[in-house]
Amino acid sequence: MASTFTQKQHKNEDISFGLASNGKKFIDYTFYGRVSTKVQTEEGKSGYARQRTKKEEYEKINPHVRLVNVVEEAISGATSGRFEWLIEGLENGEIPRPHILFVGEMTRFSREPVQDVYETLIRFFKAGGRLVCPEVTGYQRELSNIDDDGGSVFMIAGAVKRSRDEYLEKSGRKV
């Protein structure tokens, strides 16, 4: 996976310049599109297309976001560690802060056990990441911590639990 991140930044330094048409500072973001199998990446399958449509809607509503990285992978739904590169990049200053991770659906973020997902989210937030997932945040809100106002912690918990249950149910059918 090639990355377009080139700037080094100190932990609390803001290197954003200029304002978008909505008067907000530009913020870089990564679009994380994931499907579970290589077959789902083929032309005519809806996995990536559905996620790209949500990404395009997000960009229309938020002119202050700049797409700097696209990750589209066929990776198993319960594979851990898929965001280590992003968390470590934020922690060591290779990826400018704040940085948004956009996932179209929580099932694309992870289907790991709920506690593992929360631990990943907490590390991501502490590193300076923000999460946008339309089913949890809508298109205009960015989560920057687990304690975010508006009941997001409960929305995340429900979405993560549904993702895990869906994974377990589909895994059971395959066996």
N, C-alpha and C. Protein backbone atom coordinates (compact mmCIF):
# COMPACT_ATOMS: atom_id res chain seq x y z
N MET A 1 0.84 -1.17 0.00
CA MET A 1 0.00 0.00 0.00
C MET A 1 0.89 1.23 0.00
N ALA A 2 0.70 2.09 -0.96
CA ALA A 2 1.47 3.31 -1.04
C ALA A 2 0.78 4.40 -0.24
N SER A 3 1.57 5.21 0.41
CA SER A 3 1.02 6.29 1.21
C SER A 3 1.50 7.62 0.65
N THR A 4 0.68 8.63 0.78
CA THR A 4 1.06 9.95 0.31
C THR A 4 1.52 10.84 1.45
N PHE A 5 1.69 10.29 2.65
CA PHE A 5 2.12 11.07 3.80
C PHE A 5 3.61 11.35 3.69
N THR A 6 3.98 12.63 3.69
CA THR A 6 5.39 12.97 3.57
C THR A 6 5.85 13.92 4.66
N GLN A 7 4.97 14.67 5.26
CA GLN A 7 5.37 15.67 6.23
C GLN A 7 5.54 15.06 7.61
N LYS A 8 6.53 15.55 8.33
CA LYS A 8 6.74 15.16 9.72
C LYS A 8 6.19 16.30 10.58
N GLN A 9 5.56 15.96 11.67
CA GLN A 9 4.92 16.97 12.50
C GLN A 9 5.10 16.60 13.96
N HIS A 10 5.27 17.63 14.81
CA HIS A 10 5.33 17.38 16.25
C HIS A 10 3.92 17.16 16.76
N LYS A 11 3.81 16.49 17.91
CA LYS A 11 2.52 16.02 18.40
C LYS A 11 1.41 17.07 18.40
N ASN A 12 1.63 18.25 18.91
CA ASN A 12 0.54 19.22 19.05
C ASN A 12 0.61 20.37 18.05
N GLU A 13 1.44 20.24 17.05
CA GLU A 13 1.62 21.29 16.07
C GLU A 13 0.58 21.18 14.96
N ASP A 14 -0.03 22.28 14.61
CA ASP A 14 -1.01 22.30 13.52
C ASP A 14 -0.32 22.84 12.28
N ILE A 15 -0.22 22.04 11.22
CA ILE A 15 0.45 22.50 10.00
C ILE A 15 -0.54 22.75 8.88
N SER A 16 -1.84 22.86 9.21
CA SER A 16 -2.85 23.15 8.19
C SER A 16 -2.79 24.63 7.83
N PHE A 17 -2.88 24.91 6.54
CA PHE A 17 -2.86 26.29 6.07
C PHE A 17 -4.09 26.52 5.21
N GLY A 18 -4.60 27.74 5.28
CA GLY A 18 -5.72 28.10 4.44
C GLY A 18 -7.04 27.60 4.98
N LEU A 19 -8.11 28.11 4.39
CA LEU A 19 -9.45 27.73 4.80
C LEU A 19 -10.22 27.20 3.61
N ALA A 20 -11.10 26.28 3.87
CA ALA A 20 -11.96 25.73 2.83
C ALA A 20 -13.12 26.69 2.58
N SER A 21 -13.93 26.39 1.60
CA SER A 21 -15.06 27.25 1.25
C SER A 21 -16.07 27.38 2.38
N ASN A 22 -16.07 26.45 3.33
CA ASN A 22 -16.98 26.55 4.47
C ASN A 22 -16.34 27.25 5.66
N GLY A 23 -15.14 27.84 5.46
CA GLY A 23 -14.49 28.61 6.51
C GLY A 23 -13.69 27.78 7.51
N LYS A 24 -13.65 26.48 7.33
CA LYS A 24 -12.91 25.61 8.24
C LYS A 24 -11.52 25.34 7.70
N LYS A 25 -10.58 25.05 8.63
CA LYS A 25 -9.24 24.65 8.22
C LYS A 25 -9.31 23.30 7.53
N PHE A 26 -8.46 23.10 6.56
CA PHE A 26 -8.39 21.82 5.87
C PHE A 26 -7.89 20.74 6.83
N ILE A 27 -8.46 19.56 6.70
CA ILE A 27 -8.02 18.41 7.47
C ILE A 27 -7.86 17.24 6.50
N ASP A 28 -6.72 16.58 6.60
CA ASP A 28 -6.46 15.42 5.76
C ASP A 28 -7.25 14.22 6.25
N TYR A 29 -7.62 13.36 5.32
CA TYR A 29 -8.32 12.14 5.72
C TYR A 29 -7.94 10.96 4.87
N THR A 30 -8.15 9.79 5.48
CA THR A 30 -7.95 8.51 4.82
C THR A 30 -9.30 7.87 4.61
N PHE A 31 -9.54 7.41 3.40
CA PHE A 31 -10.74 6.62 3.12
C PHE A 31 -10.34 5.16 3.25
N TYR A 32 -10.99 4.45 4.16
CA TYR A 32 -10.71 3.04 4.36
C TYR A 32 -11.88 2.24 3.84
N GLY A 33 -11.70 1.66 2.66
CA GLY A 33 -12.71 0.81 2.06
C GLY A 33 -12.23 -0.63 2.14
N ARG A 34 -13.04 -1.48 2.70
CA ARG A 34 -12.62 -2.86 2.88
C ARG A 34 -13.76 -3.78 2.52
N VAL A 35 -13.42 -4.85 1.89
CA VAL A 35 -14.35 -5.95 1.68
C VAL A 35 -13.70 -7.20 2.23
N SER A 36 -14.48 -8.23 2.43
CA SER A 36 -13.97 -9.42 3.12
C SER A 36 -13.21 -10.39 2.22
N THR A 37 -13.56 -10.42 0.94
CA THR A 37 -12.92 -11.41 0.07
C THR A 37 -12.47 -10.77 -1.24
N LYS A 38 -11.53 -11.41 -1.90
CA LYS A 38 -11.04 -10.94 -3.19
C LYS A 38 -12.16 -10.91 -4.23
N VAL A 39 -13.09 -11.85 -4.17
CA VAL A 39 -14.22 -11.91 -5.10
C VAL A 39 -15.04 -10.62 -5.02
N GLN A 40 -15.18 -10.06 -3.80
CA GLN A 40 -15.97 -8.85 -3.63
C GLN A 40 -15.31 -7.61 -4.23
N THR A 41 -14.04 -7.72 -4.62
CA THR A 41 -13.36 -6.57 -5.23
C THR A 41 -13.60 -6.50 -6.73
N GLU A 42 -14.16 -7.54 -7.31
CA GLU A 42 -14.34 -7.61 -8.75
C GLU A 42 -15.37 -6.60 -9.24
N GLU A 43 -15.21 -6.22 -10.49
CA GLU A 43 -16.13 -5.28 -11.14
C GLU A 43 -17.56 -5.81 -11.05
N GLY A 44 -18.49 -4.93 -10.74
CA GLY A 44 -19.89 -5.33 -10.66
C GLY A 44 -20.34 -5.71 -9.26
N LYS A 45 -19.41 -5.90 -8.35
CA LYS A 45 -19.78 -6.19 -6.96
C LYS A 45 -20.01 -4.85 -6.25
N SER A 46 -20.87 -4.85 -5.26
CA SER A 46 -21.29 -3.58 -4.66
C SER A 46 -20.44 -3.10 -3.49
N GLY A 47 -19.57 -3.92 -2.93
CA GLY A 47 -18.83 -3.54 -1.72
C GLY A 47 -18.10 -2.22 -1.81
N TYR A 48 -17.16 -2.12 -2.77
CA TYR A 48 -16.41 -0.89 -2.90
C TYR A 48 -17.29 0.25 -3.40
N ALA A 49 -18.15 -0.03 -4.35
CA ALA A 49 -19.00 1.02 -4.93
C ALA A 49 -19.86 1.68 -3.86
N ARG A 50 -20.44 0.88 -3.01
CA ARG A 50 -21.29 1.41 -1.92
C ARG A 50 -20.47 2.30 -0.99
N GLN A 51 -19.27 1.87 -0.67
CA GLN A 51 -18.42 2.65 0.23
C GLN A 51 -17.94 3.93 -0.44
N ARG A 52 -17.59 3.86 -1.72
CA ARG A 52 -17.16 5.06 -2.45
C ARG A 52 -18.29 6.09 -2.54
N THR A 53 -19.52 5.63 -2.70
CA THR A 53 -20.66 6.55 -2.74
C THR A 53 -20.76 7.33 -1.43
N LYS A 54 -20.58 6.65 -0.32
CA LYS A 54 -20.61 7.33 0.99
C LYS A 54 -19.46 8.31 1.12
N LYS A 55 -18.28 7.94 0.61
CA LYS A 55 -17.12 8.83 0.64
C LYS A 55 -17.41 10.10 -0.16
N GLU A 56 -18.00 9.94 -1.33
CA GLU A 56 -18.32 11.10 -2.17
C GLU A 56 -19.33 12.01 -1.50
N GLU A 57 -20.32 11.44 -0.83
CA GLU A 57 -21.30 12.23 -0.09
C GLU A 57 -20.61 13.01 1.03
N TYR A 58 -19.72 12.36 1.73
CA TYR A 58 -18.95 12.99 2.81
C TYR A 58 -18.15 14.19 2.28
N GLU A 59 -17.49 14.02 1.15
CA GLU A 59 -16.69 15.09 0.58
C GLU A 59 -17.56 16.27 0.13
N LYS A 60 -18.74 15.99 -0.41
CA LYS A 60 -19.65 17.06 -0.83
C LYS A 60 -20.07 17.92 0.36
N ILE A 61 -20.38 17.28 1.45
CA ILE A 61 -20.88 17.97 2.64
C ILE A 61 -19.75 18.67 3.40
N ASN A 62 -18.52 18.21 3.24
CA ASN A 62 -17.38 18.70 4.02
C ASN A 62 -16.24 19.15 3.11
N PRO A 63 -16.33 20.36 2.55
CA PRO A 63 -15.28 20.81 1.62
C PRO A 63 -13.93 21.02 2.29
N HIS A 64 -13.87 20.96 3.60
CA HIS A 64 -12.61 21.17 4.32
C HIS A 64 -11.77 19.91 4.46
N VAL A 65 -12.27 18.78 3.98
CA VAL A 65 -11.49 17.54 4.08
C VAL A 65 -10.74 17.30 2.78
N ARG A 66 -9.50 16.83 2.93
CA ARG A 66 -8.65 16.52 1.77
C ARG A 66 -8.29 15.05 1.82
N LEU A 67 -8.65 14.33 0.79
CA LEU A 67 -8.31 12.92 0.70
C LEU A 67 -6.82 12.79 0.40
N VAL A 68 -6.10 12.13 1.31
CA VAL A 68 -4.66 11.94 1.12
C VAL A 68 -4.26 10.48 1.01
N ASN A 69 -5.18 9.58 1.36
CA ASN A 69 -4.84 8.17 1.33
C ASN A 69 -6.11 7.35 1.12
N VAL A 70 -6.03 6.40 0.21
CA VAL A 70 -7.13 5.47 -0.05
C VAL A 70 -6.63 4.07 0.22
N VAL A 71 -7.34 3.36 1.07
CA VAL A 71 -7.00 1.97 1.38
C VAL A 71 -8.20 1.13 0.98
N GLU A 72 -8.02 0.31 -0.03
CA GLU A 72 -9.07 -0.62 -0.45
C GLU A 72 -8.45 -2.00 -0.46
N GLU A 73 -8.88 -2.82 0.46
CA GLU A 73 -8.28 -4.13 0.63
C GLU A 73 -9.35 -5.20 0.70
N ALA A 74 -8.94 -6.39 0.36
CA ALA A 74 -9.76 -7.57 0.64
C ALA A 74 -9.07 -8.22 1.83
N ILE A 75 -9.67 -8.07 3.00
CA ILE A 75 -9.04 -8.53 4.23
C ILE A 75 -10.11 -9.14 5.12
N SER A 76 -9.79 -10.20 5.78
CA SER A 76 -10.75 -10.89 6.62
C SER A 76 -11.36 -9.95 7.65
N GLY A 77 -12.63 -10.14 7.92
CA GLY A 77 -13.37 -9.25 8.81
C GLY A 77 -12.90 -9.19 10.24
N ALA A 78 -12.20 -10.18 10.73
CA ALA A 78 -11.78 -10.17 12.12
C ALA A 78 -10.26 -10.12 12.25
N THR A 79 -9.58 -9.58 11.28
CA THR A 79 -8.13 -9.48 11.32
C THR A 79 -7.74 -8.26 12.15
N SER A 80 -6.91 -8.48 13.14
CA SER A 80 -6.49 -7.37 14.01
C SER A 80 -5.28 -6.66 13.42
N GLY A 81 -5.01 -5.48 13.93
CA GLY A 81 -3.81 -4.74 13.55
C GLY A 81 -3.88 -3.98 12.25
N ARG A 82 -5.04 -3.89 11.65
CA ARG A 82 -5.12 -3.26 10.33
C ARG A 82 -4.89 -1.75 10.36
N PHE A 83 -4.95 -1.14 11.54
CA PHE A 83 -4.75 0.31 11.63
C PHE A 83 -3.45 0.69 12.32
N GLU A 84 -2.57 -0.29 12.52
CA GLU A 84 -1.28 -0.01 13.17
C GLU A 84 -0.49 1.05 12.42
N TRP A 85 -0.46 0.97 11.10
CA TRP A 85 0.28 1.94 10.29
C TRP A 85 -0.22 3.36 10.53
N LEU A 86 -1.53 3.52 10.68
CA LEU A 86 -2.12 4.84 10.88
C LEU A 86 -1.85 5.34 12.30
N ILE A 87 -2.08 4.50 13.27
CA ILE A 87 -1.85 4.89 14.67
C ILE A 87 -0.38 5.23 14.89
N GLU A 88 0.51 4.38 14.42
CA GLU A 88 1.94 4.63 14.58
C GLU A 88 2.38 5.88 13.83
N GLY A 89 1.83 6.11 12.65
CA GLY A 89 2.14 7.32 11.89
C GLY A 89 1.71 8.58 12.61
N LEU A 90 0.56 8.53 13.26
CA LEU A 90 0.10 9.67 14.06
C LEU A 90 0.98 9.85 15.30
N GLU A 91 1.29 8.75 15.96
CA GLU A 91 2.10 8.81 17.19
C GLU A 91 3.49 9.37 16.94
N ASN A 92 4.12 8.98 15.83
CA ASN A 92 5.50 9.42 15.60
C ASN A 92 5.60 10.68 14.73
N GLY A 93 4.46 11.27 14.38
CA GLY A 93 4.47 12.54 13.66
C GLY A 93 4.62 12.44 12.15
N GLU A 94 4.60 11.24 11.60
CA GLU A 94 4.70 11.10 10.14
C GLU A 94 3.39 11.46 9.45
N ILE A 95 2.30 11.35 10.17
CA ILE A 95 0.98 11.73 9.65
C ILE A 95 0.52 12.95 10.44
N PRO A 96 0.23 14.05 9.75
CA PRO A 96 -0.19 15.28 10.43
C PRO A 96 -1.48 15.09 11.23
N ARG A 97 -1.54 15.79 12.36
CA ARG A 97 -2.71 15.77 13.23
C ARG A 97 -3.48 17.06 13.08
N PRO A 98 -4.75 17.06 13.24
CA PRO A 98 -5.61 15.88 13.34
C PRO A 98 -5.70 15.18 11.99
N HIS A 99 -6.10 13.95 12.02
CA HIS A 99 -6.29 13.18 10.80
C HIS A 99 -7.58 12.37 10.94
N ILE A 100 -8.39 12.42 9.90
CA ILE A 100 -9.68 11.73 9.92
C ILE A 100 -9.56 10.38 9.22
N LEU A 101 -10.16 9.38 9.83
CA LEU A 101 -10.34 8.08 9.20
C LEU A 101 -11.81 7.97 8.86
N PHE A 102 -12.11 7.82 7.56
CA PHE A 102 -13.50 7.67 7.12
C PHE A 102 -13.76 6.22 6.78
N VAL A 103 -14.73 5.62 7.45
CA VAL A 103 -15.20 4.28 7.12
C VAL A 103 -16.70 4.37 6.86
N GLY A 104 -17.15 3.79 5.77
CA GLY A 104 -18.55 3.89 5.39
C GLY A 104 -19.50 3.19 6.36
N GLU A 105 -19.03 2.12 6.97
CA GLU A 105 -19.85 1.34 7.90
C GLU A 105 -18.93 0.79 8.98
N MET A 106 -19.43 0.64 10.17
CA MET A 106 -18.60 0.13 11.26
C MET A 106 -18.09 -1.27 10.95
N THR A 107 -18.83 -2.05 10.19
CA THR A 107 -18.36 -3.39 9.84
C THR A 107 -17.08 -3.32 9.01
N ARG A 108 -16.84 -2.20 8.34
CA ARG A 108 -15.61 -2.04 7.57
C ARG A 108 -14.45 -1.73 8.49
N PHE A 109 -14.73 -1.12 9.63
CA PHE A 109 -13.66 -0.80 10.59
C PHE A 109 -13.12 -2.06 11.24
N SER A 110 -14.02 -2.87 11.77
CA SER A 110 -13.56 -4.08 12.43
C SER A 110 -14.72 -4.97 12.82
N ARG A 111 -14.42 -6.26 12.89
CA ARG A 111 -15.38 -7.23 13.39
C ARG A 111 -14.75 -8.04 14.53
N GLU A 112 -13.71 -7.48 15.09
CA GLU A 112 -13.03 -8.13 16.20
C GLU A 112 -13.91 -8.08 17.45
N PRO A 113 -13.51 -8.78 18.51
CA PRO A 113 -14.25 -8.67 19.77
C PRO A 113 -14.35 -7.21 20.20
N VAL A 114 -15.46 -6.85 20.83
CA VAL A 114 -15.77 -5.47 21.18
C VAL A 114 -14.64 -4.80 21.96
N GLN A 115 -14.09 -5.48 22.94
CA GLN A 115 -13.01 -4.87 23.74
C GLN A 115 -11.80 -4.55 22.87
N ASP A 116 -11.45 -5.43 21.94
CA ASP A 116 -10.32 -5.17 21.05
C ASP A 116 -10.57 -3.95 20.18
N VAL A 117 -11.78 -3.81 19.69
CA VAL A 117 -12.12 -2.64 18.86
C VAL A 117 -12.02 -1.36 19.68
N TYR A 118 -12.52 -1.39 20.91
CA TYR A 118 -12.44 -0.21 21.77
C TYR A 118 -10.99 0.15 22.08
N GLU A 119 -10.16 -0.84 22.32
CA GLU A 119 -8.75 -0.57 22.58
C GLU A 119 -8.09 0.08 21.37
N THR A 120 -8.42 -0.39 20.17
CA THR A 120 -7.89 0.22 18.95
C THR A 120 -8.39 1.65 18.81
N LEU A 121 -9.67 1.87 19.04
CA LEU A 121 -10.23 3.23 18.95
C LEU A 121 -9.57 4.17 19.94
N ILE A 122 -9.38 3.73 21.17
CA ILE A 122 -8.77 4.58 22.19
C ILE A 122 -7.34 4.96 21.78
N ARG A 123 -6.58 3.99 21.30
CA ARG A 123 -5.22 4.29 20.83
C ARG A 123 -5.25 5.28 19.66
N PHE A 124 -6.19 5.06 18.74
CA PHE A 124 -6.33 5.93 17.58
C PHE A 124 -6.66 7.36 18.02
N PHE A 125 -7.62 7.51 18.92
CA PHE A 125 -7.99 8.84 19.40
C PHE A 125 -6.85 9.50 20.15
N LYS A 126 -6.17 8.77 21.01
CA LYS A 126 -5.05 9.33 21.78
C LYS A 126 -3.92 9.77 20.86
N ALA A 127 -3.78 9.11 19.73
CA ALA A 127 -2.72 9.45 18.78
C ALA A 127 -3.06 10.70 17.96
N GLY A 128 -4.30 11.17 18.04
CA GLY A 128 -4.69 12.37 17.30
C GLY A 128 -5.62 12.10 16.14
N GLY A 129 -6.17 10.89 16.09
CA GLY A 129 -7.09 10.54 15.02
C GLY A 129 -8.52 10.93 15.34
N ARG A 130 -9.28 11.10 14.29
CA ARG A 130 -10.72 11.36 14.39
C ARG A 130 -11.42 10.34 13.49
N LEU A 131 -12.59 9.90 13.91
CA LEU A 131 -13.33 8.89 13.16
C LEU A 131 -14.63 9.47 12.61
N VAL A 132 -14.88 9.21 11.34
CA VAL A 132 -16.17 9.52 10.74
C VAL A 132 -16.71 8.21 10.17
N CYS A 133 -17.87 7.83 10.67
CA CYS A 133 -18.59 6.64 10.22
C CYS A 133 -20.06 7.04 10.16
N PRO A 134 -20.63 7.22 8.98
CA PRO A 134 -21.98 7.77 8.86
C PRO A 134 -23.04 7.13 9.76
N GLU A 135 -22.98 5.82 9.98
CA GLU A 135 -24.01 5.19 10.81
C GLU A 135 -23.88 5.58 12.27
N VAL A 136 -22.71 6.06 12.69
CA VAL A 136 -22.48 6.46 14.08
C VAL A 136 -22.46 7.98 14.21
N THR A 137 -21.76 8.67 13.30
CA THR A 137 -21.53 10.10 13.44
C THR A 137 -22.35 10.96 12.48
N GLY A 138 -22.95 10.34 11.49
CA GLY A 138 -23.49 11.13 10.39
C GLY A 138 -22.33 11.56 9.52
N TYR A 139 -22.57 12.47 8.60
CA TYR A 139 -21.51 12.90 7.68
C TYR A 139 -20.79 14.15 8.15
N GLN A 140 -21.30 14.83 9.17
CA GLN A 140 -20.72 16.11 9.55
C GLN A 140 -20.04 16.11 10.92
N ARG A 141 -20.06 15.01 11.61
CA ARG A 141 -19.47 14.95 12.94
C ARG A 141 -18.26 14.05 12.94
N GLU A 142 -17.24 14.45 13.66
CA GLU A 142 -16.02 13.66 13.80
C GLU A 142 -15.88 13.27 15.27
N LEU A 143 -15.69 12.00 15.51
CA LEU A 143 -15.41 11.56 16.88
C LEU A 143 -13.92 11.69 17.13
N SER A 144 -13.58 12.27 18.28
CA SER A 144 -12.16 12.40 18.61
C SER A 144 -11.83 11.73 19.94
N ASN A 145 -12.85 11.16 20.58
CA ASN A 145 -12.62 10.41 21.81
C ASN A 145 -13.86 9.58 22.13
N ILE A 146 -13.69 8.63 23.01
CA ILE A 146 -14.79 7.73 23.39
C ILE A 146 -15.86 8.48 24.19
N ASP A 147 -15.45 9.53 24.90
CA ASP A 147 -16.38 10.27 25.75
C ASP A 147 -17.14 11.36 25.02
N ASP A 148 -17.05 11.39 23.72
CA ASP A 148 -17.69 12.43 22.92
C ASP A 148 -19.16 12.61 23.32
N ASP A 149 -19.60 13.86 23.36
CA ASP A 149 -21.00 14.14 23.71
C ASP A 149 -21.95 13.59 22.67
N GLY A 150 -23.20 13.49 23.02
CA GLY A 150 -24.22 13.07 22.07
C GLY A 150 -24.47 11.58 22.05
N GLY A 151 -23.97 10.87 23.04
CA GLY A 151 -24.25 9.44 23.11
C GLY A 151 -23.48 8.59 22.13
N SER A 152 -22.41 9.13 21.56
CA SER A 152 -21.64 8.39 20.55
C SER A 152 -21.08 7.09 21.09
N VAL A 153 -20.69 7.09 22.37
CA VAL A 153 -20.13 5.87 22.94
C VAL A 153 -21.14 4.72 22.84
N PHE A 154 -22.40 5.03 22.99
CA PHE A 154 -23.43 3.99 22.89
C PHE A 154 -23.67 3.58 21.44
N MET A 155 -23.60 4.55 20.54
CA MET A 155 -23.74 4.26 19.11
C MET A 155 -22.58 3.39 18.64
N ILE A 156 -21.37 3.72 19.09
CA ILE A 156 -20.20 2.92 18.71
C ILE A 156 -20.34 1.51 19.26
N ALA A 157 -20.71 1.41 20.53
CA ALA A 157 -20.85 0.09 21.16
C ALA A 157 -21.84 -0.77 20.40
N GLY A 158 -22.98 -0.20 20.05
CA GLY A 158 -24.00 -0.95 19.31
C GLY A 158 -23.51 -1.35 17.94
N ALA A 159 -22.85 -0.43 17.24
CA ALA A 159 -22.36 -0.73 15.89
C ALA A 159 -21.25 -1.78 15.92
N VAL A 160 -20.36 -1.69 16.90
CA VAL A 160 -19.28 -2.67 17.02
C VAL A 160 -19.85 -4.04 17.36
N LYS A 161 -20.80 -4.07 18.26
CA LYS A 161 -21.43 -5.34 18.65
C LYS A 161 -22.15 -5.97 17.46
N ARG A 162 -22.89 -5.17 16.69
CA ARG A 162 -23.57 -5.68 15.49
C ARG A 162 -22.56 -6.22 14.49
N SER A 163 -21.45 -5.51 14.32
CA SER A 163 -20.41 -5.96 13.39
C SER A 163 -19.85 -7.31 13.82
N ARG A 164 -19.57 -7.44 15.10
CA ARG A 164 -19.03 -8.71 15.61
C ARG A 164 -20.05 -9.83 15.45
N ASP A 165 -21.31 -9.56 15.82
CA ASP A 165 -22.36 -10.58 15.71
C ASP A 165 -22.55 -11.01 14.25
N GLU A 166 -22.52 -10.04 13.33
CA GLU A 166 -22.66 -10.36 11.90
C GLU A 166 -21.50 -11.24 11.45
N TYR A 167 -20.30 -10.92 11.87
CA TYR A 167 -19.14 -11.73 11.52
C TYR A 167 -19.28 -13.16 12.05
N LEU A 168 -19.66 -13.29 13.30
CA LEU A 168 -19.81 -14.63 13.89
C LEU A 168 -20.91 -15.42 13.19
N GLU A 169 -22.01 -14.75 12.85
CA GLU A 169 -23.12 -15.42 12.18
C GLU A 169 -22.69 -15.89 10.79
N LYS A 170 -21.99 -15.03 10.04
CA LYS A 170 -21.55 -15.41 8.69
C LYS A 170 -20.48 -16.48 8.76
N SER A 171 -19.61 -16.40 9.75
CA SER A 171 -18.58 -17.44 9.91
C SER A 171 -19.21 -18.78 10.20
N GLY A 172 -20.28 -18.78 11.00
CA GLY A 172 -20.98 -20.02 11.33
C GLY A 172 -21.62 -20.66 10.11
N ARG A 173 -22.13 -19.84 9.20
CA ARG A 173 -22.75 -20.36 7.98
C ARG A 173 -21.73 -21.01 7.06
N LYS A 174 -20.52 -20.46 7.01
CA LYS A 174 -19.48 -21.00 6.13
C LYS A 174 -19.04 -22.38 6.60
N VAL A 175 -19.01 -22.58 7.92
CA VAL A 175 -18.59 -23.86 8.47
C VAL A 175 -19.70 -24.86 8.25
